[in-house]
Amino acid sequence: MLDTRHALRIATCRFALCDLRCTFHRMNRLAIVSFVLGCVACVEEAPVEPFPEQIIPTTITTSDNDLLPGETATLSVTITNTLDEGVQLTFPTSCQALVYIRNSSGRVTTPENGEYECASVPSSINLGVGASKTFTFEWGGGIKFGPPGSSTRVLPGSYYASAELRADGYLAIAFPILIVVH
């Protein structure tokens, strides 16, 4: 009689699509816990869309795009608020405008190793509607910003200066400009 009941229970479980008692009846407790935990792990949360960054126009210019030994180029980075309202740009560090000089292969040569040393103190600037802010950098053709002779000079060739400002919720990137170093 026991074998008949067991066979009947197995047959019932095979054909009962909605009866979970059959499934749980055949599982041991460890399997049940694993099954429940597996079901919980399969529940996905809806992805949270990140708040899109506002883009603020930024330009970079140079006082000298043909740099001879002993000359200094003044790089000017200008950010202009073209949005419909004033903005407060909050930066995670003391560095606000970051200028990068890349060689023709795209490798950052200035600042040295492509890294800025910034104090980990947040900083901010306010820009009213239509207002601009300009940052200036002196570059004497070295691996660091500064006048000629203040750091090892880069090899002669074509270099591209670009700038970026990465504030909370805002992004400003200046397209690269060419500077030829002799």
C-alpha atoms as a PDB file:
ATOM      1  CA  MET A   1       0.000   0.000   0.000  1.00  0.00           C
ATOM      2  CA  LEU A   2       2.879   2.352   0.773  1.00  0.00           C
ATOM      3  CA  ASP A   3       4.367   1.886  -2.688  1.00  0.00           C
ATOM      4  CA  THR A   4       1.021   2.654  -4.297  1.00  0.00           C
ATOM      5  CA  ARG A   5       0.647   5.876  -2.302  1.00  0.00           C
ATOM      6  CA  HIS A   6       4.196   6.886  -3.154  1.00  0.00           C
ATOM      7  CA  ALA A   7       3.621   6.190  -6.851  1.00  0.00           C
ATOM      8  CA  LEU A   8       0.317   8.077  -6.736  1.00  0.00           C
ATOM      9  CA  ARG A   9       1.996  11.069  -5.019  1.00  0.00           C
ATOM     10  CA  ILE A  10       4.760  11.130  -7.670  1.00  0.00           C
ATOM     11  CA  ALA A  11       2.189  10.930 -10.473  1.00  0.00           C
ATOM     12  CA  THR A  12       0.141  13.708  -8.896  1.00  0.00           C
ATOM     13  CA  CYS A  13       3.224  15.900  -8.553  1.00  0.00           C
ATOM     14  CA  ARG A  14       4.174  15.409 -12.168  1.00  0.00           C
ATOM     15  CA  PHE A  15       0.795  16.561 -13.417  1.00  0.00           C
ATOM     16  CA  ALA A  16      -0.048  19.218 -10.840  1.00  0.00           C
ATOM     17  CA  LEU A  17       1.394  22.380 -12.328  1.00  0.00           C
ATOM     18  CA  CYS A  18       0.092  24.769  -9.691  1.00  0.00           C
ATOM     19  CA  ASP A  19       0.422  22.640  -6.570  1.00  0.00           C
ATOM     20  CA  LEU A  20       3.677  23.694  -4.911  1.00  0.00           C
ATOM     21  CA  ARG A  21       3.053  21.343  -1.979  1.00  0.00           C
ATOM     22  CA  CYS A  22       4.251  18.457  -4.122  1.00  0.00           C
ATOM     23  CA  THR A  23       7.474  20.242  -4.933  1.00  0.00           C
ATOM     24  CA  PHE A  24       8.123  21.109  -1.302  1.00  0.00           C
ATOM     25  CA  HIS A  25       7.099  17.608  -0.168  1.00  0.00           C
ATOM     26  CA  ARG A  26       9.905  16.023  -2.186  1.00  0.00           C
ATOM     27  CA  MET A  27      12.559  18.518  -1.048  1.00  0.00           C
ATOM     28  CA  ASN A  28      14.455  18.395   2.181  1.00  0.00           C
ATOM     29  CA  ARG A  29      14.632  21.494   4.377  1.00  0.00           C
ATOM     30  CA  LEU A  30      18.050  22.563   3.108  1.00  0.00           C
ATOM     31  CA  ALA A  31      16.795  22.392  -0.456  1.00  0.00           C
ATOM     32  CA  ILE A  32      13.708  24.431   0.491  1.00  0.00           C
ATOM     33  CA  VAL A  33      15.833  27.158   2.109  1.00  0.00           C
ATOM     34  CA  SER A  34      18.125  27.195  -0.940  1.00  0.00           C
ATOM     35  CA  PHE A  35      15.118  27.425  -3.243  1.00  0.00           C
ATOM     36  CA  VAL A  36      13.596  30.345  -1.301  1.00  0.00           C
ATOM     37  CA  LEU A  37      16.919  32.213  -1.114  1.00  0.00           C
ATOM     38  CA  GLY A  38      17.420  31.636  -4.831  1.00  0.00           C
ATOM     39  CA  CYS A  39      13.989  33.113  -5.538  1.00  0.00           C
ATOM     40  CA  VAL A  40      14.727  36.157  -3.392  1.00  0.00           C
ATOM     41  CA  ALA A  41      18.073  36.652  -5.186  1.00  0.00           C
ATOM     42  CA  CYS A  42      16.308  36.620  -8.551  1.00  0.00           C
ATOM     43  CA  VAL A  43      14.166  39.637  -7.726  1.00  0.00           C
ATOM     44  CA  GLU A  44      15.588  42.634  -9.555  1.00  0.00           C
ATOM     45  CA  GLU A  45      15.114  46.246  -8.641  1.00  0.00           C
ATOM     46  CA  ALA A  46      14.235  48.688 -11.375  1.00  0.00           C
ATOM     47  CA  PRO A  47      17.373  50.504 -12.513  1.00  0.00           C
ATOM     48  CA  VAL A  48      17.620  54.058 -11.209  1.00  0.00           C
ATOM     49  CA  GLU A  49      18.342  56.429 -14.030  1.00  0.00           C
ATOM     50  CA  PRO A  50      21.206  58.771 -13.118  1.00  0.00           C
ATOM     51  CA  PHE A  51      20.420  62.465 -13.268  1.00  0.00           C
ATOM     52  CA  PRO A  52      21.865  63.653 -16.589  1.00  0.00           C
ATOM     53  CA  GLU A  53      24.665  66.163 -16.361  1.00  0.00           C
ATOM     54  CA  GLN A  54      24.068  69.634 -17.743  1.00  0.00           C
ATOM     55  CA  ILE A  55      26.655  70.586 -20.343  1.00  0.00           C
ATOM     56  CA  ILE A  56      28.126  74.062 -20.132  1.00  0.00           C
ATOM     57  CA  PRO A  57      30.129  75.417 -23.093  1.00  0.00           C
ATOM     58  CA  THR A  58      33.849  75.766 -22.431  1.00  0.00           C
ATOM     59  CA  THR A  59      36.700  76.945 -24.644  1.00  0.00           C
ATOM     60  CA  ILE A  60      40.466  76.867 -24.406  1.00  0.00           C
ATOM     61  CA  THR A  61      42.744  79.340 -26.173  1.00  0.00           C
ATOM     62  CA  THR A  62      46.465  79.995 -26.180  1.00  0.00           C
ATOM     63  CA  SER A  63      48.561  83.124 -26.495  1.00  0.00           C
ATOM     64  CA  ASP A  64      51.175  81.202 -28.507  1.00  0.00           C
ATOM     65  CA  ASN A  65      50.536  78.065 -30.531  1.00  0.00           C
ATOM     66  CA  ASP A  66      54.108  77.897 -31.863  1.00  0.00           C
ATOM     67  CA  LEU A  67      56.261  77.523 -28.743  1.00  0.00           C
ATOM     68  CA  LEU A  68      59.997  78.138 -29.148  1.00  0.00           C
ATOM     69  CA  PRO A  69      62.511  77.366 -26.363  1.00  0.00           C
ATOM     70  CA  GLY A  70      62.283  80.040 -23.667  1.00  0.00           C
ATOM     71  CA  GLU A  71      58.733  81.090 -24.618  1.00  0.00           C
ATOM     72  CA  THR A  72      55.652  80.742 -22.465  1.00  0.00           C
ATOM     73  CA  ALA A  73      52.123  80.108 -23.674  1.00  0.00           C
ATOM     74  CA  THR A  74      49.240  81.402 -21.592  1.00  0.00           C
ATOM     75  CA  LEU A  75      46.367  78.932 -21.774  1.00  0.00           C
ATOM     76  CA  SER A  76      42.946  80.436 -21.021  1.00  0.00           C
ATOM     77  CA  VAL A  77      39.967  78.232 -20.181  1.00  0.00           C
ATOM     78  CA  THR A  78      36.616  80.035 -20.292  1.00  0.00           C
ATOM     79  CA  ILE A  79      33.331  78.550 -19.115  1.00  0.00           C
ATOM     80  CA  THR A  80      30.108  80.390 -20.015  1.00  0.00           C
ATOM     81  CA  ASN A  81      26.701  79.742 -18.490  1.00  0.00           C
ATOM     82  CA  THR A  82      24.268  79.482 -21.409  1.00  0.00           C
ATOM     83  CA  LEU A  83      21.541  77.882 -19.281  1.00  0.00           C
ATOM     84  CA  ASP A  84      18.268  79.640 -18.429  1.00  0.00           C
ATOM     85  CA  GLU A  85      19.235  80.094 -14.780  1.00  0.00           C
ATOM     86  CA  GLY A  86      22.255  80.801 -12.642  1.00  0.00           C
ATOM     87  CA  VAL A  87      24.278  77.811 -11.480  1.00  0.00           C
ATOM     88  CA  GLN A  88      26.545  76.951  -8.609  1.00  0.00           C
ATOM     89  CA  LEU A  89      29.285  74.601  -9.763  1.00  0.00           C
ATOM     90  CA  THR A  90      30.481  72.466  -6.856  1.00  0.00           C
ATOM     91  CA  PHE A  91      33.733  70.570  -7.343  1.00  0.00           C
ATOM     92  CA  PRO A  92      34.826  67.609  -5.206  1.00  0.00           C
ATOM     93  CA  THR A  93      38.325  69.089  -4.704  1.00  0.00           C
ATOM     94  CA  SER A  94      40.136  72.421  -4.783  1.00  0.00           C
ATOM     95  CA  CYS A  95      40.879  71.870  -8.492  1.00  0.00           C
ATOM     96  CA  GLN A  96      38.248  73.309 -10.797  1.00  0.00           C
ATOM     97  CA  ALA A  97      39.581  73.669 -14.349  1.00  0.00           C
ATOM     98  CA  LEU A  98      41.893  70.845 -15.373  1.00  0.00           C
ATOM     99  CA  VAL A  99      44.096  71.405 -18.435  1.00  0.00           C
ATOM    100  CA  TYR A 100      45.766  68.438 -20.115  1.00  0.00           C
ATOM    101  CA  ILE A 101      48.518  68.555 -22.719  1.00  0.00           C
ATOM    102  CA  ARG A 102      48.693  65.412 -24.893  1.00  0.00           C
ATOM    103  CA  ASN A 103      51.285  64.404 -27.454  1.00  0.00           C
ATOM    104  CA  SER A 104      50.288  63.357 -30.983  1.00  0.00           C
ATOM    105  CA  SER A 105      49.842  59.766 -29.731  1.00  0.00           C
ATOM    106  CA  GLY A 106      47.251  60.929 -27.198  1.00  0.00           C
ATOM    107  CA  ARG A 107      49.432  60.367 -24.109  1.00  0.00           C
ATOM    108  CA  VAL A 108      49.141  63.041 -21.409  1.00  0.00           C
ATOM    109  CA  THR A 109      52.495  64.766 -20.960  1.00  0.00           C
ATOM    110  CA  THR A 110      51.383  67.667 -18.763  1.00  0.00           C
ATOM    111  CA  PRO A 111      50.636  67.492 -15.912  1.00  0.00           C
ATOM    112  CA  GLU A 112      53.308  64.861 -15.315  1.00  0.00           C
ATOM    113  CA  ASN A 113      51.724  61.372 -15.289  1.00  0.00           C
ATOM    114  CA  GLY A 114      48.361  63.017 -16.092  1.00  0.00           C
ATOM    115  CA  GLU A 115      47.623  63.636 -12.418  1.00  0.00           C
ATOM    116  CA  TYR A 116      46.768  66.813 -10.569  1.00  0.00           C
ATOM    117  CA  GLU A 117      47.564  67.314  -6.909  1.00  0.00           C
ATOM    118  CA  CYS A 118      44.371  68.771  -5.472  1.00  0.00           C
ATOM    119  CA  ALA A 119      43.374  69.384  -1.885  1.00  0.00           C
ATOM    120  CA  SER A 120      40.426  67.155  -1.003  1.00  0.00           C
ATOM    121  CA  VAL A 121      38.387  70.187   0.002  1.00  0.00           C
ATOM    122  CA  PRO A 122      35.252  70.880  -2.040  1.00  0.00           C
ATOM    123  CA  SER A 123      35.183  74.198  -3.912  1.00  0.00           C
ATOM    124  CA  SER A 124      32.557  76.039  -5.909  1.00  0.00           C
ATOM    125  CA  ILE A 125      31.912  78.929  -8.278  1.00  0.00           C
ATOM    126  CA  ASN A 126      28.668  80.734  -9.055  1.00  0.00           C
ATOM    127  CA  LEU A 127      27.780  81.663 -12.629  1.00  0.00           C
ATOM    128  CA  GLY A 128      24.785  83.860 -13.358  1.00  0.00           C
ATOM    129  CA  VAL A 129      22.891  83.593 -16.633  1.00  0.00           C
ATOM    130  CA  GLY A 130      25.298  84.549 -19.436  1.00  0.00           C
ATOM    131  CA  ALA A 131      28.224  84.930 -17.004  1.00  0.00           C
ATOM    132  CA  SER A 132      31.703  83.601 -17.731  1.00  0.00           C
ATOM    133  CA  LYS A 133      34.695  82.576 -15.663  1.00  0.00           C
ATOM    134  CA  THR A 134      38.228  82.331 -17.060  1.00  0.00           C
ATOM    135  CA  PHE A 135      41.081  80.259 -15.646  1.00  0.00           C
ATOM    136  CA  THR A 136      44.668  80.819 -16.848  1.00  0.00           C
ATOM    137  CA  PHE A 137      47.647  78.472 -16.920  1.00  0.00           C
ATOM    138  CA  GLU A 138      51.230  79.272 -17.887  1.00  0.00           C
ATOM    139  CA  TRP A 139      53.012  76.579 -19.902  1.00  0.00           C
ATOM    140  CA  GLY A 140      56.643  76.788 -20.939  1.00  0.00           C
ATOM    141  CA  GLY A 141      56.630  73.478 -22.812  1.00  0.00           C
ATOM    142  CA  GLY A 142      57.467  71.386 -19.758  1.00  0.00           C
ATOM    143  CA  ILE A 143      55.996  68.308 -18.098  1.00  0.00           C
ATOM    144  CA  LYS A 144      54.575  70.647 -15.450  1.00  0.00           C
ATOM    145  CA  PHE A 145      52.755  73.932 -15.834  1.00  0.00           C
ATOM    146  CA  GLY A 146      54.914  76.984 -15.223  1.00  0.00           C
ATOM    147  CA  PRO A 147      57.490  79.121 -16.987  1.00  0.00           C
ATOM    148  CA  PRO A 148      60.270  77.699 -19.195  1.00  0.00           C
ATOM    149  CA  GLY A 149      62.920  75.875 -17.187  1.00  0.00           C
ATOM    150  CA  SER A 150      60.643  75.094 -14.234  1.00  0.00           C
ATOM    151  CA  SER A 151      60.376  71.422 -15.306  1.00  0.00           C
ATOM    152  CA  THR A 152      61.778  68.987 -17.852  1.00  0.00           C
ATOM    153  CA  ARG A 153      60.845  70.090 -21.379  1.00  0.00           C
ATOM    154  CA  VAL A 154      58.709  67.857 -23.592  1.00  0.00           C
ATOM    155  CA  LEU A 155      60.172  66.635 -26.867  1.00  0.00           C
ATOM    156  CA  PRO A 156      59.657  68.830 -29.950  1.00  0.00           C
ATOM    157  CA  GLY A 157      56.437  68.023 -31.771  1.00  0.00           C
ATOM    158  CA  SER A 158      52.700  68.618 -31.951  1.00  0.00           C
ATOM    159  CA  TYR A 159      50.742  68.793 -28.693  1.00  0.00           C
ATOM    160  CA  TYR A 160      47.063  69.230 -27.967  1.00  0.00           C
ATOM    161  CA  ALA A 161      45.760  71.241 -25.020  1.00  0.00           C
ATOM    162  CA  SER A 162      42.271  70.471 -23.709  1.00  0.00           C
ATOM    163  CA  ALA A 163      40.378  71.336 -20.534  1.00  0.00           C
ATOM    164  CA  GLU A 164      37.597  69.922 -18.423  1.00  0.00           C
ATOM    165  CA  LEU A 165      35.584  71.012 -15.428  1.00  0.00           C
ATOM    166  CA  ARG A 166      33.741  68.226 -13.622  1.00  0.00           C
ATOM    167  CA  ALA A 167      31.332  69.722 -11.116  1.00  0.00           C
ATOM    168  CA  ASP A 168      28.485  67.881  -9.408  1.00  0.00           C
ATOM    169  CA  GLY A 169      25.730  67.615 -12.034  1.00  0.00           C
ATOM    170  CA  TYR A 170      27.606  69.663 -14.650  1.00  0.00           C
ATOM    171  CA  LEU A 171      30.196  68.828 -17.279  1.00  0.00           C
ATOM    172  CA  ALA A 172      32.316  71.262 -19.249  1.00  0.00           C
ATOM    173  CA  ILE A 173      34.895  70.048 -21.760  1.00  0.00           C
ATOM    174  CA  ALA A 174      36.910  72.273 -24.091  1.00  0.00           C
ATOM    175  CA  PHE A 175      37.861  70.833 -27.456  1.00  0.00           C
ATOM    176  CA  PRO A 176      41.640  70.447 -27.951  1.00  0.00           C
ATOM    177  CA  ILE A 177      43.788  73.112 -29.579  1.00  0.00           C
ATOM    178  CA  LEU A 178      47.132  72.512 -31.301  1.00  0.00           C
ATOM    179  CA  ILE A 179      50.410  73.811 -29.897  1.00  0.00           C
ATOM    180  CA  VAL A 180      53.661  73.048 -31.711  1.00  0.00           C
ATOM    181  CA  VAL A 181      56.714  72.806 -29.471  1.00  0.00           C
ATOM    182  CA  HIS A 182      60.144  73.444 -31.073  1.00  0.00           C
END
